[in-house]
């Protein structure tokens, strides 16, 4: 069966073949890319282990337990990895302790049994958090690197800030602190971002600014790296959880206890229920794209030149180019955005960022002539310089602003239904085709400014001699578009699916409306399914219900 790959670029440091990420190790400096630290990644195949080093800006993609084939991430994962729903986790200084991967507990038994998760000696001193759960002080064990990835490093820029210690020593490089604040009447955090950060990053930055636990948790990443210099633990970092209180985690990992005394080794956090220290978030920046009031704006000659790096004339098509940590990025090359889909926090569901409608003046102006940049030879996550030897185009991994098309939840539902005997499999994870020239704003773009296209997931189902295709589209906001459920007496071919997706792009996400139907002229029936689920169980039930023989298969 053909592999289904995630919609992310290949990473050059991965070898060819079939590999799984097992663990994260030391953080070191990169002599070839001074603006970005490297993190060790332990990968494993049937032929053994290998240690590779990858820029920390790519940490959002380097999830423990995920599978890579020929340098590309797939949706597969080892069969022994389970999905856990862990309610009523009490996070406090009394219930958490830092341990090492090879620490022994209870009469010499390893906290992480080698028979379940074999961690080589080189990673023995890597740090984990042991959390009391079900009256067991080691009831939950989670690597510090996964706490960092989930809570503080879900974008390239946030990862750089965390590992370089900017929250401790250079906060003004993240925000204009003098313009940040908190409105207690509205319970609103006001964040004035520096230009390099995306608006979505402000949720994490705001949490760090307005919760001492989050501030100390992220600062511990860099502080522990400094403490461990010139010791046997050099390069291994610690990290704290950004809150005190009770939470529910949905996670993937391994059961490392017994039936009578279960313990959980968490490899990937998927969702957290703990709230943020504010209800509303307002985001602005000195150099935003809104126009200033003409009566209060300053004169052009008094403005500072600033290059937004959004010159599309210089943009190259880099499909198939590899991410790599070999070469620095060039600051005059346009930025390539890579969206990492995520529905991480219950608190953020249905939340919108508030943006000021106008501003008094523009402080910046565009440069009259942009210097010539070298031809891009690849993608990198370094912060860049202007050297002629810097031939990577900067790539930034950002958390998606969209909702829907949640691969994690849909994949879990597909796995669950398949185990129950349903003939179901993920067929395709792809981007929506363009309906117009790439330079024009259009529905196929999730973000038109960066030309980031919407993803979609197509799932094939066969039931009672009928062929179905469930198509979920990435959305900018909840309820923007529905799932399309195609039904046919014959298998729906690739060319037919391509044609339907092109029609959907032309009709701006409307499966059937006044402009026509995406299946016009094609012998296929169509249902529309509203996004009403909030769990794998509910999604599984809806898929079963919509493909049952009792359905009339009219649009709903």
Protein backbone atom coordinates (compact mmCIF):
# COMPACT_ATOMS: atom_id res chain seq x y z
CA UNK A 1 0.00 0.00 0.00
CA UNK A 2 1.31 3.47 -0.89
CA UNK A 3 2.44 5.54 2.08
CA UNK A 4 0.40 8.62 3.05
CA UNK A 5 2.71 11.50 3.86
CA UNK A 6 2.15 14.57 5.99
CA UNK A 7 1.97 17.85 4.08
CA UNK A 8 5.46 18.95 5.17
CA UNK A 9 8.82 19.12 3.35
CA UNK A 10 11.35 16.29 3.60
CA UNK A 11 14.22 16.74 6.07
CA UNK A 12 17.67 16.11 4.61
CA UNK A 13 19.23 14.79 7.82
CA UNK A 14 16.93 11.75 7.83
CA UNK A 15 18.45 8.77 6.00
CA UNK A 16 16.53 6.88 3.35
CA UNK A 17 14.44 3.97 4.51
CA UNK A 18 11.84 3.51 7.25
CA UNK A 19 12.62 5.28 10.56
CA UNK A 20 10.79 6.16 13.79
CA UNK A 21 11.74 9.01 16.15
CA UNK A 22 12.52 7.43 19.53
CA UNK A 23 13.96 10.23 21.72
CA UNK A 24 15.47 13.74 21.85
CA UNK A 25 18.95 14.34 23.21
CA UNK A 26 21.53 17.08 23.68
CA UNK A 27 21.31 20.62 22.35
CA UNK A 28 24.53 21.98 20.79
CA UNK A 29 25.69 24.89 18.69
CA UNK A 30 25.71 24.59 14.91
CA UNK A 31 29.01 25.81 13.39
CA UNK A 32 27.39 26.02 9.94
CA UNK A 33 24.27 27.94 11.06
CA UNK A 34 25.27 30.19 14.00
CA UNK A 35 21.73 31.57 14.37
CA UNK A 36 20.22 28.19 15.25
CA UNK A 37 21.03 25.51 17.81
CA UNK A 38 20.94 21.79 16.97
CA UNK A 39 19.07 19.07 18.84
CA UNK A 40 20.01 15.38 18.74
CA UNK A 41 17.28 13.09 17.47
CA UNK A 42 17.46 9.33 18.08
CA UNK A 43 15.83 7.42 15.24
CA UNK A 44 15.36 3.67 14.90
CA UNK A 45 14.78 1.22 12.06
CA UNK A 46 14.68 -2.56 11.96
CA UNK A 47 18.43 -2.42 11.33
CA UNK A 48 19.31 -0.38 14.43
CA UNK A 49 19.66 3.13 15.84
CA UNK A 50 21.05 6.33 14.41
CA UNK A 51 21.58 9.77 15.93
CA UNK A 52 21.01 12.80 13.70
CA UNK A 53 21.19 16.52 14.52
CA UNK A 54 18.48 18.91 13.34
CA UNK A 55 17.90 22.64 13.90
CA UNK A 56 15.67 23.40 16.91
CA UNK A 57 13.45 25.50 14.63
CA UNK A 58 12.19 22.19 13.22
CA UNK A 59 11.28 20.79 16.66
CA UNK A 60 7.51 21.28 16.00
CA UNK A 61 7.78 18.51 13.37
CA UNK A 62 9.98 16.14 15.40
CA UNK A 63 7.32 14.36 17.45
CA UNK A 64 8.39 11.29 19.39
CA UNK A 65 6.94 8.14 17.89
CA UNK A 66 6.28 9.57 14.44
CA UNK A 67 7.34 7.65 11.33
CA UNK A 68 9.58 8.88 8.48
CA UNK A 69 10.16 7.12 5.18
CA UNK A 70 12.81 8.35 2.75
CA UNK A 71 13.14 11.66 4.67
CA UNK A 72 9.38 12.37 4.68
CA UNK A 73 6.97 12.15 7.58
CA UNK A 74 4.09 9.68 7.22
CA UNK A 75 0.86 9.25 9.17
CA UNK A 76 1.98 5.80 10.36
CA UNK A 77 3.16 5.12 13.89
CA UNK A 78 4.33 2.02 15.79
CA UNK A 79 1.48 -0.31 16.72
CA UNK A 80 2.43 -0.33 20.42
CA UNK A 81 1.75 3.39 20.78
CA UNK A 82 -1.62 4.03 22.42
CA UNK A 83 -3.89 7.04 22.79
CA UNK A 84 -4.55 8.06 26.40
CA UNK A 85 -7.23 10.27 27.93
CA UNK A 86 -5.84 11.26 31.34
CA UNK A 87 -8.25 13.34 33.45
CA UNK A 88 -7.67 15.04 36.80
CA UNK A 89 -3.90 15.45 36.58
CA UNK A 90 -2.79 17.62 39.49
CA UNK A 91 0.12 19.88 38.52
CA UNK A 92 1.96 21.37 41.50
CA UNK A 93 5.47 21.62 42.89
CA UNK A 94 4.65 18.75 45.24
CA UNK A 95 3.41 16.37 42.51
CA UNK A 96 6.21 16.88 39.95
CA UNK A 97 9.86 15.92 40.06
CA UNK A 98 12.60 15.96 37.42
CA UNK A 99 14.18 12.58 36.68
CA UNK A 100 16.63 11.23 34.11
CA UNK A 101 15.75 8.67 31.45
CA UNK A 102 17.88 5.97 33.13
CA UNK A 103 16.86 6.71 36.73
CA UNK A 104 15.99 3.69 38.83
CA UNK A 105 13.06 3.56 41.25
CA UNK A 106 11.45 0.92 43.46
CA UNK A 107 14.23 -1.51 44.33
CA UNK A 108 16.35 -0.87 41.27
CA UNK A 109 13.65 -0.93 38.61
CA UNK A 110 14.03 1.60 35.82
CA UNK A 111 11.45 4.40 35.70
CA UNK A 112 11.31 3.78 31.93
CA UNK A 113 11.63 0.01 31.45
CA UNK A 114 14.18 -0.79 28.69
CA UNK A 115 11.98 -3.69 27.62
CA UNK A 116 9.31 -1.19 26.60
CA UNK A 117 11.35 1.85 25.54
CA UNK A 118 15.02 1.16 24.95
CA UNK A 119 16.99 4.40 25.37
CA UNK A 120 20.73 4.21 24.59
CA UNK A 121 23.42 5.26 27.06
CA UNK A 122 24.09 8.48 25.11
CA UNK A 123 20.59 9.66 26.11
CA UNK A 124 20.64 8.31 29.69
CA UNK A 125 20.90 11.77 31.26
CA UNK A 126 18.08 13.34 29.23
CA UNK A 127 15.45 14.86 31.51
CA UNK A 128 11.84 13.88 32.08
CA UNK A 129 9.09 15.05 34.39
CA UNK A 130 7.58 12.43 36.71
CA UNK A 131 4.05 13.43 37.72
CA UNK A 132 2.07 11.89 40.54
CA UNK A 133 -1.05 10.21 39.17
CA UNK A 134 -3.43 7.73 40.80
CA UNK A 135 -1.37 8.06 44.01
CA UNK A 136 1.74 6.90 42.13
CA UNK A 137 4.63 9.43 42.15
CA UNK A 138 5.70 8.03 38.75
CA UNK A 139 2.19 7.61 37.36
CA UNK A 140 2.99 9.83 34.36
CA UNK A 141 6.44 10.32 32.83
CA UNK A 142 6.95 12.82 30.03
CA UNK A 143 10.23 13.93 28.38
CA UNK A 144 11.18 17.56 29.00
CA UNK A 145 11.58 17.95 25.23
CA UNK A 146 7.90 17.09 24.69
CA UNK A 147 6.79 19.62 27.32
CA UNK A 148 8.91 22.22 25.50
CA UNK A 149 7.62 21.26 22.05
CA UNK A 150 3.96 21.26 23.05
CA UNK A 151 3.75 24.30 25.32
CA UNK A 152 6.55 26.63 24.16
CA UNK A 153 7.94 25.57 20.75
CA UNK A 154 5.03 24.96 18.38
CA UNK A 155 6.53 27.41 15.86
CA UNK A 156 10.06 27.99 14.56
CA UNK A 157 10.26 31.50 16.04
CA UNK A 158 8.99 30.39 19.45
CA UNK A 159 11.54 27.55 19.51
CA UNK A 160 14.39 29.96 18.77
CA UNK A 161 13.24 32.32 21.53
CA UNK A 162 12.97 29.51 24.08
CA UNK A 163 16.36 27.92 23.38
CA UNK A 164 18.28 31.20 23.00
CA UNK A 165 16.93 32.47 26.34
CA UNK A 166 15.18 35.53 24.93
CA UNK A 167 12.46 35.39 27.62
CA UNK A 168 15.21 35.91 30.21
CA UNK A 169 17.70 38.19 28.46
CA UNK A 170 16.13 39.75 25.37
CA UNK A 171 12.37 40.01 25.90
CA UNK A 172 12.27 43.19 23.82
CA UNK A 173 13.26 41.11 20.80
CA UNK A 174 9.97 39.23 21.17
CA UNK A 175 7.60 42.08 22.06
CA UNK A 176 7.60 45.83 22.55
CA UNK A 177 7.20 45.37 26.27
CA UNK A 178 6.31 49.03 26.88
CA UNK A 179 3.19 48.59 24.73
CA UNK A 180 2.07 45.29 26.27
CA UNK A 181 -0.45 45.26 29.06
CA UNK A 182 -3.46 43.70 30.70
CA UNK A 183 -7.02 45.02 30.86
CA UNK A 184 -8.56 43.50 34.02
CA UNK A 185 -12.10 44.68 33.19
CA UNK A 186 -12.11 42.72 29.93
CA UNK A 187 -9.68 40.05 31.17
CA UNK A 188 -7.70 40.91 28.02
CA UNK A 189 -3.98 40.47 27.38
CA UNK A 190 -2.50 43.10 25.04
CA UNK A 191 0.57 41.86 23.15
CA UNK A 192 2.69 44.09 20.90
CA UNK A 193 4.62 41.58 18.80
CA UNK A 194 7.86 42.05 16.94
CA UNK A 195 7.49 41.54 13.21
CA UNK A 196 8.96 38.04 12.90
CA UNK A 197 6.28 36.38 15.04
CA UNK A 198 2.90 35.27 13.74
CA UNK A 199 -0.29 36.42 15.47
CA UNK A 200 -0.95 32.85 16.65
CA UNK A 201 2.38 32.90 18.55
CA UNK A 202 0.91 35.61 20.78
CA UNK A 203 -1.21 33.06 22.66
CA UNK A 204 1.98 31.38 23.94
CA UNK A 205 3.84 34.66 24.46
CA UNK A 206 0.89 36.12 26.37
CA UNK A 207 0.74 33.07 28.60
CA UNK A 208 4.42 33.48 29.41
CA UNK A 209 4.10 37.22 30.09
CA UNK A 210 1.10 36.92 32.40
CA UNK A 211 1.72 33.65 34.27
CA UNK A 212 4.82 33.28 36.45
CA UNK A 213 4.66 29.50 36.12
CA UNK A 214 4.84 29.74 32.32
CA UNK A 215 7.64 32.31 32.52
CA UNK A 216 9.70 30.10 34.82
CA UNK A 217 8.87 27.00 32.78
CA UNK A 218 10.21 28.40 29.50
CA UNK A 219 13.20 30.14 31.11
CA UNK A 220 14.29 26.82 32.57
CA UNK A 221 15.10 25.56 29.04
CA UNK A 222 17.95 28.02 28.55
CA UNK A 223 18.87 28.34 32.23
CA UNK A 224 19.43 24.58 32.55
CA UNK A 225 21.60 24.57 29.42
CA UNK A 226 23.80 27.21 31.08
CA UNK A 227 23.91 25.33 34.40
CA UNK A 228 25.01 22.14 32.71
CA UNK A 229 27.90 23.61 30.71
CA UNK A 230 31.14 21.65 31.16
CA UNK A 231 29.39 18.82 33.02
CA UNK A 232 28.33 15.31 32.03
CA UNK A 233 24.82 16.72 31.47
CA UNK A 234 25.99 19.41 29.04
CA UNK A 235 23.36 19.92 26.35
CA UNK A 236 20.51 18.23 28.24
CA UNK A 237 17.81 20.71 29.21
CA UNK A 238 14.95 20.90 31.67
CA UNK A 239 11.53 22.47 31.21
CA UNK A 240 8.53 23.32 33.39
CA UNK A 241 4.78 23.06 32.83
CA UNK A 242 3.24 26.53 32.34
CA UNK A 243 0.58 26.37 35.06
CA UNK A 244 -0.38 25.11 38.50
CA UNK A 245 -3.69 23.31 38.87
CA UNK A 246 -5.74 20.43 37.47
CA UNK A 247 -5.83 19.49 33.81
CA UNK A 248 -6.82 16.73 31.40
CA UNK A 249 -4.31 15.53 28.85
CA UNK A 250 -5.06 13.67 25.66
CA UNK A 251 -1.81 12.08 24.59
CA UNK A 252 -0.06 9.29 22.72
CA UNK A 253 2.44 7.07 24.41
CA UNK A 254 3.29 3.75 25.96
CA UNK A 255 1.85 1.85 28.90
CA UNK A 256 4.89 1.14 31.09
CA UNK A 257 3.17 -0.15 34.24
CA UNK A 258 1.09 -3.19 35.03
CA UNK A 259 -2.63 -3.88 34.87
CA UNK A 260 -2.94 -3.34 38.60
CA UNK A 261 -0.65 -0.29 38.60
CA UNK A 262 -0.76 1.45 35.21
CA UNK A 263 1.87 4.04 34.34
CA UNK A 264 2.02 6.21 31.28
CA UNK A 265 5.06 7.29 29.26
CA UNK A 266 3.83 10.20 27.20
CA UNK A 267 5.54 10.65 23.83
CA UNK A 268 3.18 13.20 22.26
CA UNK A 269 0.81 15.59 23.99
CA UNK A 270 -2.23 16.19 21.80
CA UNK A 271 -4.51 18.35 23.90
CA UNK A 272 -4.60 20.14 27.26
CA UNK A 273 -7.69 21.42 29.05
CA UNK A 274 -6.09 23.93 31.44
CA UNK A 275 -7.16 27.56 30.76
CA UNK A 276 -4.90 30.49 29.93
CA UNK A 277 -4.34 33.40 32.37
CA UNK A 278 -6.63 35.66 30.29
CA UNK A 279 -9.89 35.35 28.37
CA UNK A 280 -9.25 37.72 25.44
CA UNK A 281 -6.12 38.41 23.39
CA UNK A 282 -5.38 41.63 21.51
CA UNK A 283 -2.41 41.63 19.14
CA UNK A 284 -0.66 44.53 17.44
CA UNK A 285 2.82 45.31 16.18
CA UNK A 286 4.81 48.43 15.22
CA UNK A 287 4.90 47.43 11.58
CA UNK A 288 1.47 45.99 10.94
CA UNK A 289 -0.18 46.22 7.53
CA UNK A 290 -2.96 48.63 8.45
CA UNK A 291 -2.81 52.21 7.19
CA UNK A 292 -2.34 55.05 9.61
CA UNK A 293 -4.64 58.03 9.97
CA UNK A 294 -3.46 60.51 7.31
CA UNK A 295 -3.93 63.42 9.71
CA UNK A 296 -1.68 61.95 12.39
CA UNK A 297 0.82 59.93 10.30
CA UNK A 298 4.46 61.05 10.32
CA UNK A 299 6.30 62.27 7.21
CA UNK A 300 7.88 59.61 4.90
CA UNK A 301 11.38 60.96 5.44
CA UNK A 302 11.00 60.41 9.20
CA UNK A 303 10.08 56.74 8.82
CA UNK A 304 12.52 53.86 9.27
CA UNK A 305 13.15 51.57 6.32
CA UNK A 306 11.97 48.02 6.98
CA UNK A 307 11.85 45.06 4.61
CA UNK A 308 8.89 42.76 5.25
CA UNK A 309 10.49 40.09 3.06
CA UNK A 310 7.26 39.53 1.16
CA UNK A 311 8.52 40.35 -2.34
CA UNK A 312 6.73 37.73 -4.39
CA UNK A 313 8.72 38.53 -7.53
CA UNK A 314 11.68 36.74 -5.96
CA UNK A 315 9.73 33.71 -4.80
CA UNK A 316 10.73 30.37 -6.28
CA UNK A 317 8.66 27.23 -6.43
CA UNK A 318 10.30 25.01 -3.82
CA UNK A 319 8.03 21.97 -3.85
CA UNK A 320 10.20 18.96 -3.05
CA UNK A 321 13.06 21.02 -1.58
CA UNK A 322 14.46 19.61 1.64
CA UNK A 323 14.68 21.26 5.01
CA UNK A 324 18.28 21.11 6.19
CA UNK A 325 20.60 22.40 8.92
CA UNK A 326 23.72 22.68 6.73
CA UNK A 327 23.52 26.28 5.52
CA UNK A 328 22.37 29.61 6.91
CA UNK A 329 19.30 31.24 5.37
CA UNK A 330 19.53 34.50 3.41
CA UNK A 331 17.45 37.37 4.75
CA UNK A 332 16.64 38.75 1.31
CA UNK A 333 14.91 35.54 0.23
CA UNK A 334 11.15 35.40 0.91
CA UNK A 335 9.97 33.30 3.84
CA UNK A 336 8.37 29.92 3.17
CA UNK A 337 5.59 29.10 5.65
CA UNK A 338 4.91 25.54 6.77
CA UNK A 339 1.70 25.11 8.74
CA UNK A 340 1.58 22.46 11.45
CA UNK A 341 -2.06 21.56 12.11
CA UNK A 342 -2.96 21.70 15.74
CA UNK A 343 -5.96 21.81 18.05
CA UNK A 344 -3.82 21.76 21.18
CA UNK A 345 -5.82 23.62 23.79
CA UNK A 346 -9.48 23.41 24.76
CA UNK A 347 -9.27 27.07 25.77
CA UNK A 348 -8.49 28.24 22.22
CA UNK A 349 -11.50 26.62 20.56
CA UNK A 350 -13.69 29.33 18.97
CA UNK A 351 -11.33 32.05 20.22
CA UNK A 352 -10.53 34.96 17.87
CA UNK A 353 -7.55 37.31 18.16
CA UNK A 354 -8.59 40.96 18.50
CA UNK A 355 -6.81 43.39 16.17
CA UNK A 356 -6.86 47.21 16.47
CA UNK A 357 -8.89 48.79 13.68
CA UNK A 358 -6.57 51.76 13.11
CA UNK A 359 -3.36 53.34 14.36
CA UNK A 360 -2.03 56.83 14.83
CA UNK A 361 1.01 56.58 12.54
CA UNK A 362 3.25 54.20 10.57
CA UNK A 363 6.79 54.05 11.92
CA UNK A 364 8.22 52.15 8.95
CA UNK A 365 8.43 52.32 5.16
CA UNK A 366 9.49 49.80 2.54
CA UNK A 367 13.01 49.99 1.04
CA UNK A 368 13.13 51.60 -2.45
CA UNK A 369 15.29 48.84 -3.94
CA UNK A 370 15.60 45.38 -2.52
CA UNK A 371 19.15 43.93 -2.72
CA UNK A 372 19.59 40.92 -4.95
CA UNK A 373 19.54 37.58 -3.15
CA UNK A 374 21.26 34.36 -4.23
CA UNK A 375 19.31 31.55 -5.84
CA UNK A 376 17.69 29.42 -3.15
CA UNK A 377 19.12 25.91 -2.99
CA UNK A 378 17.03 24.58 -0.10
CA UNK A 379 15.03 25.36 3.01
CA UNK A 380 16.35 26.10 6.48
CA UNK A 381 15.08 27.29 9.85
CA UNK A 382 18.06 29.44 10.81
CA UNK A 383 17.36 33.13 11.46
CA UNK A 384 19.47 34.26 8.50
CA UNK A 385 22.13 36.73 7.42
CA UNK A 386 23.22 38.46 4.18
CA UNK A 387 26.24 36.32 3.27
CA UNK A 388 26.60 35.16 -0.33
CA UNK A 389 27.20 31.66 1.08
CA UNK A 390 23.79 31.64 2.76
CA UNK A 391 21.76 29.86 0.09
CA UNK A 392 18.85 28.44 2.07
CA UNK A 393 15.44 30.06 1.92
CA UNK A 394 14.06 30.60 5.40
CA UNK A 395 11.22 28.28 6.36
CA UNK A 396 9.02 28.90 9.38
CA UNK A 397 6.87 26.24 10.98
CA UNK A 398 3.77 27.84 12.46
CA UNK A 399 0.70 26.52 14.19
CA UNK A 400 -2.25 26.64 11.85
CA UNK A 401 -4.85 29.33 12.41
CA UNK A 402 -7.45 27.05 10.88
CA UNK A 403 -9.75 24.48 12.45
CA UNK A 404 -11.21 21.32 11.02
CA UNK A 405 -9.30 18.79 8.95
CA UNK A 406 -7.76 17.65 12.23
CA UNK A 407 -5.53 14.83 11.06
CA UNK A 408 -4.91 13.46 14.54
CA UNK A 409 -8.59 13.02 15.39
CA UNK A 410 -9.58 11.74 11.95
CA UNK A 411 -6.67 9.29 11.88
CA UNK A 412 -7.69 7.96 15.31
CA UNK A 413 -11.28 7.55 14.11
CA UNK A 414 -10.11 5.70 10.98
CA UNK A 415 -7.89 3.38 13.06
CA UNK A 416 -10.69 2.72 15.53
CA UNK A 417 -13.26 1.93 12.83
CA UNK A 418 -10.78 -0.23 10.92
CA UNK A 419 -10.14 -2.34 14.06
CA UNK A 420 -13.89 -2.74 14.40
CA UNK A 421 -14.03 -4.28 10.92
CA UNK A 422 -15.00 -1.31 8.74
CA UNK A 423 -13.33 -1.13 5.31
CA UNK A 424 -11.84 2.36 5.76
CA UNK A 425 -8.44 3.97 5.10
CA UNK A 426 -6.91 7.38 4.63
CA UNK A 427 -6.41 7.86 0.92
CA UNK A 428 -4.84 11.29 0.61
CA UNK A 429 -3.48 14.20 2.65
CA UNK A 430 -3.02 17.06 0.19
CA UNK A 431 -3.55 20.78 -0.47
CA UNK A 432 -6.55 22.29 -2.22
CA UNK A 433 -5.76 23.08 -5.89
CA UNK A 434 -5.59 26.71 -6.99
CA UNK A 435 -8.53 28.08 -8.99
CA UNK A 436 -6.68 31.16 -10.28
CA UNK A 437 -3.15 32.41 -10.84
CA UNK A 438 -0.96 31.90 -7.76
CA UNK A 439 -0.51 35.68 -7.38
CA UNK A 440 -4.23 36.28 -6.76
CA UNK A 441 -6.10 36.01 -3.47
CA UNK A 442 -8.41 33.00 -3.48
CA UNK A 443 -10.25 30.52 -1.29
CA UNK A 444 -7.62 27.81 -1.79
CA UNK A 445 -5.24 29.89 0.36
CA UNK A 446 -5.63 29.51 4.10
CA UNK A 447 -3.42 32.62 4.35
CA UNK A 448 -3.19 34.66 1.17
CA UNK A 449 -0.31 36.88 2.35
CA UNK A 450 2.05 33.91 2.68
CA UNK A 451 0.34 31.84 -0.05
CA UNK A 452 -0.24 29.03 2.39
CA UNK A 453 -2.77 26.62 0.92
CA UNK A 454 -5.53 24.78 2.73
CA UNK A 455 -5.01 21.11 3.46
CA UNK A 456 -7.63 18.45 3.01
CA UNK A 457 -7.92 14.81 4.01
CA UNK A 458 -9.68 12.22 1.85
CA UNK A 459 -10.79 8.96 3.45
CA UNK A 460 -12.06 5.97 1.44
CA UNK A 461 -14.87 3.85 2.93
CA UNK A 462 -16.59 0.79 1.46
CA UNK A 463 -19.84 -0.41 3.02
CA UNK A 464 -22.57 -2.71 1.70
CA UNK A 465 -21.20 -2.55 -1.85
CA UNK A 466 -21.16 1.28 -1.84
CA UNK A 467 -17.97 3.36 -2.18
CA UNK A 468 -17.67 6.54 -0.11
CA UNK A 469 -15.05 9.29 0.10
CA UNK A 470 -15.08 11.51 3.21
CA UNK A 471 -13.35 14.84 2.50
CA UNK A 472 -12.48 17.18 5.38
CA UNK A 473 -11.18 20.68 4.58
CA UNK A 474 -8.97 22.90 6.70
CA UNK A 475 -10.92 25.99 7.80
CA UNK A 476 -10.02 29.52 8.84
CA UNK A 477 -12.85 29.54 11.37
CA UNK A 478 -15.25 26.97 12.74
CA UNK A 479 -18.27 26.35 10.53
CA UNK A 480 -16.69 27.94 7.44
CA UNK A 481 -17.19 24.80 5.35
CA UNK A 482 -18.61 21.32 5.79
CA UNK A 483 -17.27 17.85 5.18
CA UNK A 484 -18.12 16.47 1.78
CA UNK A 485 -19.25 12.83 1.66
CA UNK A 486 -19.16 11.35 -1.85
CA UNK A 487 -21.11 8.18 -2.67
CA UNK A 488 -20.82 5.96 -5.73
CA UNK A 489 -21.58 2.42 -6.89
CA UNK A 490 -18.01 2.24 -8.19
CA UNK A 491 -14.64 3.20 -6.74
CA UNK A 492 -14.07 6.97 -6.99
CA UNK A 493 -10.90 7.37 -9.08
CA UNK A 494 -8.09 9.87 -8.61
CA UNK A 495 -9.00 11.91 -11.69
CA UNK A 496 -12.60 12.17 -10.50
CA UNK A 497 -11.48 13.28 -7.04
CA UNK A 498 -9.09 15.83 -8.57
CA UNK A 499 -11.93 17.24 -10.68
CA UNK A 500 -14.23 17.53 -7.67
CA UNK A 501 -11.55 19.33 -5.63
CA UNK A 502 -10.95 21.79 -8.49
CA UNK A 503 -14.68 22.50 -8.60
CA UNK A 504 -14.70 23.01 -4.82
CA UNK A 505 -11.89 25.57 -5.13
CA UNK A 506 -13.82 27.41 -7.87
CA UNK A 507 -16.98 27.45 -5.72
CA UNK A 508 -15.00 28.73 -2.71
CA UNK A 509 -15.64 25.75 -0.50
CA UNK A 510 -19.37 25.44 -1.19
CA UNK A 511 -20.12 21.85 -2.15
CA UNK A 512 -23.53 22.69 -3.59
CA UNK A 513 -25.07 26.12 -3.97
CA UNK A 514 -26.39 28.74 -6.35
CA UNK A 515 -23.23 28.51 -8.47
CA UNK A 516 -23.69 24.77 -8.97
CA UNK A 517 -22.60 21.46 -7.50
CA UNK A 518 -19.07 20.10 -7.37
CA UNK A 519 -20.39 16.78 -8.72
CA UNK A 520 -22.36 18.21 -11.64
CA UNK A 521 -21.98 15.91 -14.65
CA UNK A 522 -20.37 13.20 -12.52
CA UNK A 523 -22.27 10.05 -11.51
CA UNK A 524 -21.70 10.60 -7.81
CA UNK A 525 -24.08 11.50 -4.99
CA UNK A 526 -23.13 14.08 -2.38
CA UNK A 527 -23.85 14.62 1.29
CA UNK A 528 -22.63 17.50 3.42
CA UNK A 529 -21.76 16.86 7.07
CA UNK A 530 -21.51 19.64 9.65
CA UNK A 531 -18.55 19.68 12.07
CA UNK A 532 -20.41 18.76 15.26
CA UNK A 533 -17.93 16.36 16.88
CA UNK A 534 -15.41 17.10 19.60
CA UNK A 535 -14.06 13.62 20.22
CA UNK A 536 -12.83 10.57 18.32
CA UNK A 537 -15.79 8.55 19.57
CA UNK A 538 -18.34 11.04 18.26
CA UNK A 539 -16.58 11.38 14.91
CA UNK A 540 -16.45 7.57 14.57
CA UNK A 541 -20.18 7.36 15.29
CA UNK A 542 -20.98 10.02 12.68
CA UNK A 543 -18.89 8.27 10.00
CA UNK A 544 -20.62 4.98 10.77
CA UNK A 545 -24.04 6.63 10.74
CA UNK A 546 -23.50 8.49 7.45
CA UNK A 547 -22.30 5.35 5.65
CA UNK A 548 -24.97 3.01 6.99
CA UNK A 549 -27.46 1.43 4.54
CA UNK A 550 -30.33 3.27 6.26
CA UNK A 551 -29.09 6.69 5.16
CA UNK A 552 -31.09 8.38 2.39
CA UNK A 553 -27.89 10.19 1.27
CA UNK A 554 -29.47 13.53 0.71
CA UNK A 555 -27.56 16.67 1.55
CA UNK A 556 -27.85 17.49 5.24
